Amino acid sequence: MKKHLLIFIESLFLIALLGLDRWVKLWSENYLKTNGSVVLIPGVFQFTYARNVGAAFSILENQQWFFILIAGVISCLLIYVLFKVIHSQSFSLKGLCEKWLLILIPMVLAGALGNLYDRLRYGYVIDTFDFVLIHYPIFNVADSYIVIAVIIFAVLYLFVKPFSVRLEELLKRPEEIKSDESDA
């Protein structure tokens, strides 16, 4: 597959993820804010409109510029890594590592950008998912993308040796690849 087509597909995937996050947040703001929570499983789970001016568990409340800076830096870093992986000399869509990275990087990027958009537009993040059974902090789709992607990445990196080895190969600079070849 041509790299330009792959970047286009990755962009569409990212836009779809961002679209779902925005749609849920808009629904939350337009419906839940006015009508109150929607209970799916009584005493367990409900949709609730909440404004979060902090991070997870409302830590660092009202530190919006800190979160904006961190989200911006992480987003730039993820875009760089995605392009580095796709343009790597040894990139192959047949590899397990490449396939997972093409899913996981846009998920984390969509999570960071989705919450960044909220912080820039509203000054807070709109949260919706409320596990009342365990009194878990209310969260949103963007948060879910980040958590799911990081857990999958950690499991792959820690427990699937070919994944971690391949990731290191993909992220090497061209001069490192040449020196490895000359050492062999």
N, C-alpha and C. Protein backbone atom coordinates (compact mmCIF):
# COMPACT_ATOMS: atom_id res chain seq x y z
N MET A 1 0.85 -1.17 0.00
CA MET A 1 0.00 0.00 0.00
C MET A 1 0.89 1.24 0.00
N LYS A 2 0.56 2.21 -0.80
CA LYS A 2 1.35 3.43 -0.87
C LYS A 2 1.22 4.21 0.43
N LYS A 3 2.31 4.84 0.81
CA LYS A 3 2.34 5.54 2.10
C LYS A 3 1.35 6.71 2.14
N HIS A 4 1.14 7.38 1.01
CA HIS A 4 0.17 8.49 0.99
C HIS A 4 -1.24 7.98 1.24
N LEU A 5 -1.56 6.83 0.67
CA LEU A 5 -2.88 6.24 0.90
C LEU A 5 -3.03 5.83 2.36
N LEU A 6 -1.98 5.27 2.92
CA LEU A 6 -2.00 4.86 4.33
C LEU A 6 -2.20 6.07 5.24
N ILE A 7 -1.52 7.16 4.96
CA ILE A 7 -1.69 8.39 5.75
C ILE A 7 -3.12 8.90 5.61
N PHE A 8 -3.69 8.82 4.41
CA PHE A 8 -5.08 9.22 4.19
C PHE A 8 -6.02 8.36 5.02
N ILE A 9 -5.82 7.04 5.02
CA ILE A 9 -6.67 6.13 5.79
C ILE A 9 -6.53 6.41 7.28
N GLU A 10 -5.30 6.64 7.75
CA GLU A 10 -5.07 6.97 9.15
C GLU A 10 -5.79 8.27 9.52
N SER A 11 -5.76 9.24 8.60
CA SER A 11 -6.45 10.51 8.84
C SER A 11 -7.96 10.30 8.96
N LEU A 12 -8.52 9.46 8.09
CA LEU A 12 -9.95 9.16 8.16
C LEU A 12 -10.30 8.46 9.48
N PHE A 13 -9.46 7.54 9.91
CA PHE A 13 -9.66 6.84 11.18
C PHE A 13 -9.65 7.85 12.33
N LEU A 14 -8.67 8.75 12.32
CA LEU A 14 -8.57 9.78 13.35
C LEU A 14 -9.82 10.67 13.35
N ILE A 15 -10.26 11.08 12.17
CA ILE A 15 -11.45 11.93 12.06
C ILE A 15 -12.68 11.20 12.58
N ALA A 16 -12.81 9.91 12.28
CA ALA A 16 -13.95 9.12 12.77
C ALA A 16 -13.93 9.05 14.31
N LEU A 17 -12.75 8.81 14.88
CA LEU A 17 -12.63 8.76 16.34
C LEU A 17 -12.99 10.11 16.96
N LEU A 18 -12.46 11.17 16.39
CA LEU A 18 -12.78 12.51 16.89
C LEU A 18 -14.27 12.81 16.74
N GLY A 19 -14.84 12.37 15.62
CA GLY A 19 -16.26 12.59 15.38
C GLY A 19 -17.13 11.92 16.42
N LEU A 20 -16.82 10.69 16.78
CA LEU A 20 -17.59 9.98 17.81
C LEU A 20 -17.46 10.70 19.16
N ASP A 21 -16.26 11.11 19.51
CA ASP A 21 -16.05 11.84 20.76
C ASP A 21 -16.88 13.13 20.78
N ARG A 22 -16.81 13.90 19.70
CA ARG A 22 -17.57 15.17 19.62
C ARG A 22 -19.07 14.91 19.71
N TRP A 23 -19.54 13.89 18.99
CA TRP A 23 -20.97 13.59 18.96
C TRP A 23 -21.48 13.27 20.36
N VAL A 24 -20.76 12.43 21.08
CA VAL A 24 -21.18 12.06 22.44
C VAL A 24 -21.15 13.29 23.35
N LYS A 25 -20.11 14.11 23.23
CA LYS A 25 -20.03 15.31 24.07
C LYS A 25 -21.14 16.30 23.74
N LEU A 26 -21.45 16.49 22.45
CA LEU A 26 -22.54 17.38 22.08
C LEU A 26 -23.88 16.85 22.58
N TRP A 27 -24.09 15.55 22.45
CA TRP A 27 -25.31 14.93 22.98
C TRP A 27 -25.40 15.15 24.49
N SER A 28 -24.29 14.96 25.15
CA SER A 28 -24.26 15.15 26.60
C SER A 28 -24.61 16.59 26.96
N GLU A 29 -24.01 17.52 26.24
CA GLU A 29 -24.26 18.92 26.55
C GLU A 29 -25.68 19.35 26.17
N ASN A 30 -26.17 18.89 25.05
CA ASN A 30 -27.49 19.32 24.59
C ASN A 30 -28.65 18.56 25.22
N TYR A 31 -28.43 17.32 25.60
CA TYR A 31 -29.53 16.53 26.16
C TYR A 31 -29.39 16.34 27.67
N LEU A 32 -28.26 15.79 28.08
CA LEU A 32 -28.09 15.46 29.50
C LEU A 32 -28.04 16.70 30.39
N LYS A 33 -27.42 17.75 29.90
CA LYS A 33 -27.30 18.97 30.69
C LYS A 33 -28.70 19.52 31.04
N THR A 34 -29.61 19.39 30.09
CA THR A 34 -30.97 19.90 30.28
C THR A 34 -31.88 18.91 31.00
N ASN A 35 -31.79 17.63 30.62
CA ASN A 35 -32.74 16.62 31.09
C ASN A 35 -32.24 15.77 32.24
N GLY A 36 -30.99 15.87 32.60
CA GLY A 36 -30.44 15.05 33.67
C GLY A 36 -29.91 13.72 33.17
N SER A 37 -29.43 12.92 34.08
CA SER A 37 -28.80 11.64 33.76
C SER A 37 -29.77 10.67 33.10
N VAL A 38 -29.21 9.80 32.26
CA VAL A 38 -29.96 8.70 31.65
C VAL A 38 -29.39 7.42 32.24
N VAL A 39 -30.21 6.71 32.99
CA VAL A 39 -29.78 5.48 33.66
C VAL A 39 -29.88 4.32 32.68
N LEU A 40 -28.77 3.62 32.46
CA LEU A 40 -28.78 2.43 31.63
C LEU A 40 -28.97 1.19 32.47
N ILE A 41 -28.19 1.06 33.53
CA ILE A 41 -28.30 -0.06 34.47
C ILE A 41 -28.42 0.57 35.86
N PRO A 42 -29.62 0.52 36.45
CA PRO A 42 -29.82 1.19 37.73
C PRO A 42 -28.78 0.79 38.79
N GLY A 43 -28.19 1.79 39.40
CA GLY A 43 -27.21 1.56 40.46
C GLY A 43 -25.84 1.13 39.96
N VAL A 44 -25.69 1.02 38.63
CA VAL A 44 -24.41 0.57 38.07
C VAL A 44 -23.82 1.60 37.11
N PHE A 45 -24.59 1.95 36.05
CA PHE A 45 -24.04 2.80 35.00
C PHE A 45 -25.11 3.75 34.47
N GLN A 46 -24.67 4.99 34.24
CA GLN A 46 -25.57 5.98 33.65
C GLN A 46 -24.77 6.99 32.85
N PHE A 47 -25.47 7.69 31.97
CA PHE A 47 -24.88 8.82 31.26
C PHE A 47 -25.20 10.07 32.07
N THR A 48 -24.18 10.86 32.35
CA THR A 48 -24.33 12.06 33.16
C THR A 48 -23.51 13.18 32.54
N TYR A 49 -24.08 14.38 32.51
CA TYR A 49 -23.32 15.54 32.04
C TYR A 49 -22.46 16.06 33.20
N ALA A 50 -21.17 16.22 32.94
CA ALA A 50 -20.28 16.78 33.96
C ALA A 50 -19.20 17.63 33.28
N ARG A 51 -18.82 18.68 33.96
CA ARG A 51 -17.72 19.53 33.51
C ARG A 51 -16.50 19.19 34.36
N ASN A 52 -15.39 18.92 33.70
CA ASN A 52 -14.17 18.57 34.41
C ASN A 52 -13.12 19.65 34.11
N VAL A 53 -12.75 20.39 35.12
CA VAL A 53 -11.73 21.44 34.94
C VAL A 53 -10.35 20.95 35.36
N GLY A 54 -10.26 19.66 35.68
CA GLY A 54 -8.98 19.07 36.05
C GLY A 54 -8.62 17.94 35.10
N ALA A 55 -7.85 17.01 35.61
CA ALA A 55 -7.48 15.82 34.85
C ALA A 55 -8.24 14.64 35.47
N ALA A 56 -7.75 13.44 35.24
CA ALA A 56 -8.38 12.26 35.81
C ALA A 56 -8.54 12.44 37.32
N PHE A 57 -9.69 12.04 37.82
CA PHE A 57 -10.02 12.16 39.24
C PHE A 57 -10.02 13.62 39.71
N SER A 58 -10.17 14.54 38.75
CA SER A 58 -10.22 15.99 39.01
C SER A 58 -8.95 16.53 39.68
N ILE A 59 -7.81 15.87 39.46
CA ILE A 59 -6.55 16.39 40.01
C ILE A 59 -6.13 17.62 39.20
N LEU A 60 -5.36 18.46 39.79
CA LEU A 60 -4.86 19.70 39.17
C LEU A 60 -5.99 20.55 38.59
N GLU A 61 -7.04 20.73 39.38
CA GLU A 61 -8.18 21.53 38.92
C GLU A 61 -7.74 22.93 38.52
N ASN A 62 -8.38 23.44 37.47
CA ASN A 62 -8.18 24.81 36.96
C ASN A 62 -6.75 25.07 36.47
N GLN A 63 -6.07 24.06 36.04
CA GLN A 63 -4.73 24.21 35.45
C GLN A 63 -4.81 24.00 33.94
N GLN A 64 -5.73 24.71 33.28
CA GLN A 64 -6.03 24.48 31.86
C GLN A 64 -4.80 24.65 30.96
N TRP A 65 -3.99 25.67 31.19
CA TRP A 65 -2.84 25.89 30.32
C TRP A 65 -1.83 24.76 30.42
N PHE A 66 -1.71 24.18 31.58
CA PHE A 66 -0.84 23.02 31.75
C PHE A 66 -1.35 21.85 30.89
N PHE A 67 -2.65 21.58 30.95
CA PHE A 67 -3.23 20.49 30.17
C PHE A 67 -3.17 20.77 28.67
N ILE A 68 -3.38 22.02 28.30
CA ILE A 68 -3.31 22.40 26.88
C ILE A 68 -1.89 22.18 26.37
N LEU A 69 -0.90 22.59 27.15
CA LEU A 69 0.50 22.41 26.76
C LEU A 69 0.85 20.93 26.64
N ILE A 70 0.47 20.14 27.64
CA ILE A 70 0.78 18.71 27.62
C ILE A 70 0.10 18.02 26.44
N ALA A 71 -1.18 18.32 26.21
CA ALA A 71 -1.91 17.70 25.09
C ALA A 71 -1.30 18.10 23.76
N GLY A 72 -0.88 19.34 23.65
CA GLY A 72 -0.25 19.80 22.41
C GLY A 72 1.07 19.10 22.15
N VAL A 73 1.89 18.98 23.17
CA VAL A 73 3.20 18.31 23.04
C VAL A 73 3.00 16.83 22.70
N ILE A 74 2.10 16.17 23.43
CA ILE A 74 1.84 14.75 23.18
C ILE A 74 1.30 14.54 21.77
N SER A 75 0.41 15.41 21.32
CA SER A 75 -0.15 15.29 19.98
C SER A 75 0.94 15.42 18.92
N CYS A 76 1.80 16.41 19.07
CA CYS A 76 2.91 16.59 18.11
C CYS A 76 3.83 15.38 18.12
N LEU A 77 4.14 14.88 19.30
CA LEU A 77 5.00 13.70 19.43
C LEU A 77 4.36 12.48 18.75
N LEU A 78 3.08 12.27 18.96
CA LEU A 78 2.40 11.12 18.35
C LEU A 78 2.34 11.23 16.83
N ILE A 79 2.11 12.43 16.31
CA ILE A 79 2.11 12.62 14.86
C ILE A 79 3.50 12.32 14.31
N TYR A 80 4.53 12.79 15.00
CA TYR A 80 5.91 12.51 14.58
C TYR A 80 6.18 11.00 14.57
N VAL A 81 5.81 10.31 15.63
CA VAL A 81 6.05 8.86 15.72
C VAL A 81 5.26 8.13 14.63
N LEU A 82 4.03 8.52 14.40
CA LEU A 82 3.22 7.87 13.35
C LEU A 82 3.88 8.02 11.99
N PHE A 83 4.33 9.23 11.66
CA PHE A 83 5.01 9.44 10.37
C PHE A 83 6.34 8.71 10.32
N LYS A 84 7.05 8.68 11.45
CA LYS A 84 8.34 7.97 11.50
C LYS A 84 8.13 6.48 11.25
N VAL A 85 7.10 5.92 11.86
CA VAL A 85 6.81 4.49 11.67
C VAL A 85 6.43 4.22 10.22
N ILE A 86 5.52 5.02 9.67
CA ILE A 86 5.07 4.81 8.29
C ILE A 86 6.21 4.99 7.30
N HIS A 87 7.10 5.95 7.56
CA HIS A 87 8.19 6.21 6.62
C HIS A 87 9.48 5.44 6.94
N SER A 88 9.40 4.56 7.94
CA SER A 88 10.57 3.76 8.27
C SER A 88 10.97 2.90 7.08
N GLN A 89 12.28 2.72 6.90
CA GLN A 89 12.77 1.90 5.78
C GLN A 89 12.27 0.47 5.87
N SER A 90 12.02 0.00 7.08
CA SER A 90 11.63 -1.39 7.24
C SER A 90 10.12 -1.56 7.47
N PHE A 91 9.33 -0.49 7.23
CA PHE A 91 7.89 -0.55 7.47
C PHE A 91 7.23 -1.59 6.56
N SER A 92 6.35 -2.38 7.16
CA SER A 92 5.59 -3.37 6.41
C SER A 92 4.23 -3.56 7.06
N LEU A 93 3.18 -3.51 6.27
CA LEU A 93 1.83 -3.71 6.82
C LEU A 93 1.59 -5.16 7.24
N LYS A 94 2.53 -6.04 6.94
CA LYS A 94 2.38 -7.44 7.33
C LYS A 94 2.76 -7.65 8.79
N GLY A 95 3.46 -6.68 9.37
CA GLY A 95 3.95 -6.84 10.73
C GLY A 95 2.90 -6.56 11.79
N LEU A 96 2.91 -7.35 12.84
CA LEU A 96 2.01 -7.18 13.98
C LEU A 96 2.18 -5.80 14.61
N CYS A 97 3.41 -5.39 14.80
CA CYS A 97 3.70 -4.12 15.44
C CYS A 97 3.10 -2.96 14.63
N GLU A 98 3.34 -2.96 13.33
CA GLU A 98 2.85 -1.88 12.48
C GLU A 98 1.32 -1.80 12.52
N LYS A 99 0.67 -2.95 12.44
CA LYS A 99 -0.80 -2.96 12.45
C LYS A 99 -1.34 -2.37 13.75
N TRP A 100 -0.77 -2.77 14.87
CA TRP A 100 -1.24 -2.25 16.15
C TRP A 100 -0.93 -0.76 16.29
N LEU A 101 0.25 -0.34 15.87
CA LEU A 101 0.59 1.08 15.99
C LEU A 101 -0.33 1.95 15.15
N LEU A 102 -0.75 1.45 13.99
CA LEU A 102 -1.66 2.20 13.13
C LEU A 102 -3.05 2.34 13.74
N ILE A 103 -3.35 1.53 14.74
CA ILE A 103 -4.62 1.64 15.47
C ILE A 103 -4.42 2.44 16.76
N LEU A 104 -3.37 2.11 17.50
CA LEU A 104 -3.19 2.69 18.83
C LEU A 104 -2.78 4.16 18.81
N ILE A 105 -1.89 4.54 17.91
CA ILE A 105 -1.45 5.94 17.88
C ILE A 105 -2.62 6.88 17.57
N PRO A 106 -3.44 6.61 16.55
CA PRO A 106 -4.60 7.50 16.34
C PRO A 106 -5.58 7.51 17.50
N MET A 107 -5.69 6.40 18.22
CA MET A 107 -6.59 6.39 19.38
C MET A 107 -6.11 7.37 20.46
N VAL A 108 -4.83 7.31 20.79
CA VAL A 108 -4.29 8.22 21.81
C VAL A 108 -4.35 9.66 21.30
N LEU A 109 -4.02 9.84 20.03
CA LEU A 109 -4.06 11.18 19.43
C LEU A 109 -5.48 11.74 19.46
N ALA A 110 -6.47 10.92 19.11
CA ALA A 110 -7.87 11.37 19.16
C ALA A 110 -8.29 11.71 20.58
N GLY A 111 -7.83 10.93 21.54
CA GLY A 111 -8.14 11.23 22.93
C GLY A 111 -7.55 12.57 23.36
N ALA A 112 -6.29 12.78 23.03
CA ALA A 112 -5.62 14.03 23.40
C ALA A 112 -6.27 15.22 22.69
N LEU A 113 -6.54 15.08 21.40
CA LEU A 113 -7.12 16.19 20.64
C LEU A 113 -8.57 16.45 21.02
N GLY A 114 -9.32 15.39 21.32
CA GLY A 114 -10.71 15.56 21.73
C GLY A 114 -10.83 16.37 23.01
N ASN A 115 -10.01 16.05 24.00
CA ASN A 115 -10.04 16.80 25.25
C ASN A 115 -9.40 18.18 25.10
N LEU A 116 -8.38 18.28 24.24
CA LEU A 116 -7.76 19.57 23.97
C LEU A 116 -8.78 20.53 23.37
N TYR A 117 -9.58 20.05 22.44
CA TYR A 117 -10.62 20.87 21.82
C TYR A 117 -11.56 21.42 22.89
N ASP A 118 -12.01 20.57 23.79
CA ASP A 118 -12.90 21.00 24.86
C ASP A 118 -12.25 22.08 25.73
N ARG A 119 -11.00 21.86 26.09
CA ARG A 119 -10.32 22.82 26.97
C ARG A 119 -10.17 24.18 26.28
N LEU A 120 -9.85 24.16 24.99
CA LEU A 120 -9.69 25.40 24.26
C LEU A 120 -11.03 26.10 24.03
N ARG A 121 -12.06 25.34 23.75
CA ARG A 121 -13.37 25.93 23.43
C ARG A 121 -14.15 26.33 24.68
N TYR A 122 -14.19 25.44 25.67
CA TYR A 122 -15.04 25.67 26.84
C TYR A 122 -14.28 26.05 28.11
N GLY A 123 -13.02 25.69 28.18
CA GLY A 123 -12.28 25.88 29.42
C GLY A 123 -12.42 24.70 30.37
N TYR A 124 -13.06 23.65 29.91
CA TYR A 124 -13.24 22.42 30.70
C TYR A 124 -13.50 21.28 29.71
N VAL A 125 -13.46 20.05 30.21
CA VAL A 125 -13.74 18.87 29.40
C VAL A 125 -15.12 18.34 29.78
N ILE A 126 -15.89 17.97 28.77
CA ILE A 126 -17.22 17.40 29.01
C ILE A 126 -17.07 15.90 29.23
N ASP A 127 -17.55 15.42 30.38
CA ASP A 127 -17.52 14.00 30.71
C ASP A 127 -18.95 13.47 30.74
N THR A 128 -19.09 12.16 30.47
CA THR A 128 -20.43 11.58 30.29
C THR A 128 -20.63 10.23 30.96
N PHE A 129 -19.64 9.36 30.93
CA PHE A 129 -19.83 7.98 31.40
C PHE A 129 -19.65 7.91 32.91
N ASP A 130 -20.66 7.41 33.58
CA ASP A 130 -20.71 7.45 35.03
C ASP A 130 -20.98 6.06 35.61
N PHE A 131 -19.93 5.41 36.16
CA PHE A 131 -20.09 4.12 36.83
C PHE A 131 -20.41 4.40 38.29
N VAL A 132 -21.68 4.49 38.60
CA VAL A 132 -22.11 4.84 39.95
C VAL A 132 -21.88 3.71 40.95
N LEU A 133 -21.84 2.48 40.48
CA LEU A 133 -21.66 1.33 41.37
C LEU A 133 -20.36 1.43 42.17
N ILE A 134 -19.30 1.83 41.49
CA ILE A 134 -17.99 1.89 42.16
C ILE A 134 -17.55 3.33 42.42
N HIS A 135 -18.45 4.28 42.19
CA HIS A 135 -18.15 5.70 42.40
C HIS A 135 -16.88 6.11 41.65
N TYR A 136 -16.76 5.60 40.43
CA TYR A 136 -15.62 5.92 39.58
C TYR A 136 -15.82 7.32 39.00
N PRO A 137 -14.75 8.10 38.83
CA PRO A 137 -14.92 9.44 38.25
C PRO A 137 -15.57 9.36 36.86
N ILE A 138 -16.40 10.34 36.56
CA ILE A 138 -17.08 10.39 35.26
C ILE A 138 -16.02 10.67 34.20
N PHE A 139 -16.13 10.00 33.06
CA PHE A 139 -15.14 10.15 31.99
C PHE A 139 -15.84 10.25 30.65
N ASN A 140 -15.06 10.34 29.57
CA ASN A 140 -15.64 10.52 28.23
C ASN A 140 -15.01 9.57 27.22
N VAL A 141 -15.46 9.69 25.98
CA VAL A 141 -14.96 8.82 24.91
C VAL A 141 -13.46 9.02 24.71
N ALA A 142 -13.00 10.28 24.70
CA ALA A 142 -11.58 10.56 24.50
C ALA A 142 -10.73 9.89 25.58
N ASP A 143 -11.19 9.96 26.82
CA ASP A 143 -10.47 9.29 27.91
C ASP A 143 -10.40 7.79 27.65
N SER A 144 -11.51 7.23 27.17
CA SER A 144 -11.56 5.78 26.89
C SER A 144 -10.55 5.39 25.82
N TYR A 145 -10.46 6.20 24.76
CA TYR A 145 -9.48 5.92 23.71
C TYR A 145 -8.07 5.81 24.30
N ILE A 146 -7.72 6.78 25.13
CA ILE A 146 -6.37 6.82 25.69
C ILE A 146 -6.12 5.61 26.58
N VAL A 147 -7.04 5.34 27.48
CA VAL A 147 -6.85 4.23 28.42
C VAL A 147 -6.77 2.89 27.70
N ILE A 148 -7.68 2.65 26.78
CA ILE A 148 -7.70 1.37 26.05
C ILE A 148 -6.41 1.21 25.24
N ALA A 149 -6.01 2.26 24.53
CA ALA A 149 -4.79 2.18 23.70
C ALA A 149 -3.54 1.96 24.55
N VAL A 150 -3.44 2.66 25.67
CA VAL A 150 -2.26 2.52 26.53
C VAL A 150 -2.20 1.12 27.14
N ILE A 151 -3.33 0.58 27.55
CA ILE A 151 -3.34 -0.78 28.11
C ILE A 151 -2.92 -1.80 27.06
N ILE A 152 -3.49 -1.71 25.85
CA ILE A 152 -3.11 -2.65 24.78
C ILE A 152 -1.63 -2.51 24.45
N PHE A 153 -1.15 -1.27 24.33
CA PHE A 153 0.26 -1.04 24.03
C PHE A 153 1.15 -1.65 25.12
N ALA A 154 0.81 -1.41 26.37
CA ALA A 154 1.63 -1.93 27.48
C ALA A 154 1.67 -3.46 27.46
N VAL A 155 0.53 -4.10 27.24
CA VAL A 155 0.48 -5.56 27.18
C VAL A 155 1.34 -6.06 26.03
N LEU A 156 1.19 -5.45 24.86
CA LEU A 156 2.00 -5.87 23.70
C LEU A 156 3.49 -5.66 23.95
N TYR A 157 3.83 -4.50 24.47
CA TYR A 157 5.24 -4.18 24.67
C TYR A 157 5.87 -5.06 25.74
N LEU A 158 5.15 -5.33 26.80
CA LEU A 158 5.71 -6.09 27.91
C LEU A 158 5.68 -7.60 27.70
N PHE A 159 4.68 -8.11 26.98
CA PHE A 159 4.48 -9.55 26.92
C PHE A 159 4.60 -10.17 25.54
N VAL A 160 4.72 -9.37 24.50
CA VAL A 160 4.87 -9.92 23.15
C VAL A 160 6.22 -9.45 22.62
N LYS A 161 7.23 -10.29 22.82
CA LYS A 161 8.60 -9.91 22.49
C LYS A 161 8.76 -9.41 21.05
N PRO A 162 8.17 -10.08 20.04
CA PRO A 162 8.34 -9.55 18.68
C PRO A 162 7.83 -8.11 18.53
N PHE A 163 6.82 -7.74 19.30
CA PHE A 163 6.28 -6.38 19.23
C PHE A 163 7.31 -5.37 19.71
N SER A 164 7.89 -5.61 20.88
CA SER A 164 8.84 -4.64 21.44
C SER A 164 10.11 -4.55 20.58
N VAL A 165 10.58 -5.68 20.07
CA VAL A 165 11.77 -5.69 19.23
C VAL A 165 11.50 -4.92 17.94
N ARG A 166 10.36 -5.18 17.33
CA ARG A 166 10.00 -4.52 16.08
C ARG A 166 9.79 -3.02 16.28
N LEU A 167 9.19 -2.64 17.39
CA LEU A 167 8.98 -1.23 17.68
C LEU A 167 10.32 -0.50 17.75
N GLU A 168 11.27 -1.10 18.41
CA GLU A 168 12.59 -0.49 18.50
C GLU A 168 13.23 -0.36 17.12
N GLU A 169 13.04 -1.36 16.27
CA GLU A 169 13.57 -1.29 14.90
C GLU A 169 12.93 -0.15 14.12
N LEU A 170 11.62 -0.02 14.24
CA LEU A 170 10.90 1.01 13.49
C LEU A 170 11.29 2.42 13.92
N LEU A 171 11.65 2.58 15.18
CA LEU A 171 11.94 3.92 15.69
C LEU A 171 13.41 4.29 15.61
N LYS A 172 14.25 3.40 15.08
CA LYS A 172 15.67 3.71 14.93
C LYS A 172 15.86 4.76 13.84
N ARG A 173 16.90 5.56 14.04
CA ARG A 173 17.28 6.52 13.00
C ARG A 173 18.03 5.76 11.90
N PRO A 174 18.00 6.25 10.67
CA PRO A 174 18.67 5.55 9.56
C PRO A 174 20.13 5.24 9.84
N GLU A 175 20.86 6.16 10.49
CA GLU A 175 22.28 5.90 10.77
C GLU A 175 22.47 4.77 11.78
N GLU A 176 21.50 4.59 12.69
CA GLU A 176 21.56 3.47 13.63
C GLU A 176 21.37 2.14 12.91
N ILE A 177 20.49 2.14 11.91
CA ILE A 177 20.25 0.92 11.14
C ILE A 177 21.51 0.53 10.39
N LYS A 178 22.19 1.52 9.78
CA LYS A 178 23.42 1.24 9.04
C LYS A 178 24.51 0.72 9.95
N SER A 179 24.63 1.30 11.16
CA SER A 179 25.68 0.82 12.07
C SER A 179 25.37 -0.58 12.58
N ASP A 180 24.09 -0.91 12.77
CA ASP A 180 23.71 -2.27 13.17
C ASP A 180 24.06 -3.26 12.08
N GLU A 181 23.83 -2.88 10.82
CA GLU A 181 24.12 -3.76 9.68
C GLU A 181 25.62 -3.98 9.54
N SER A 182 26.41 -2.93 9.77
CA SER A 182 27.87 -3.07 9.63
C SER A 182 28.46 -3.87 10.77
N ASP A 183 27.80 -3.86 11.96
CA ASP A 183 28.28 -4.66 13.10
C ASP A 183 28.05 -6.14 12.88
N ALA A 184 27.04 -6.48 12.08
CA ALA A 184 26.68 -7.90 11.90
C ALA A 184 27.63 -8.65 11.01
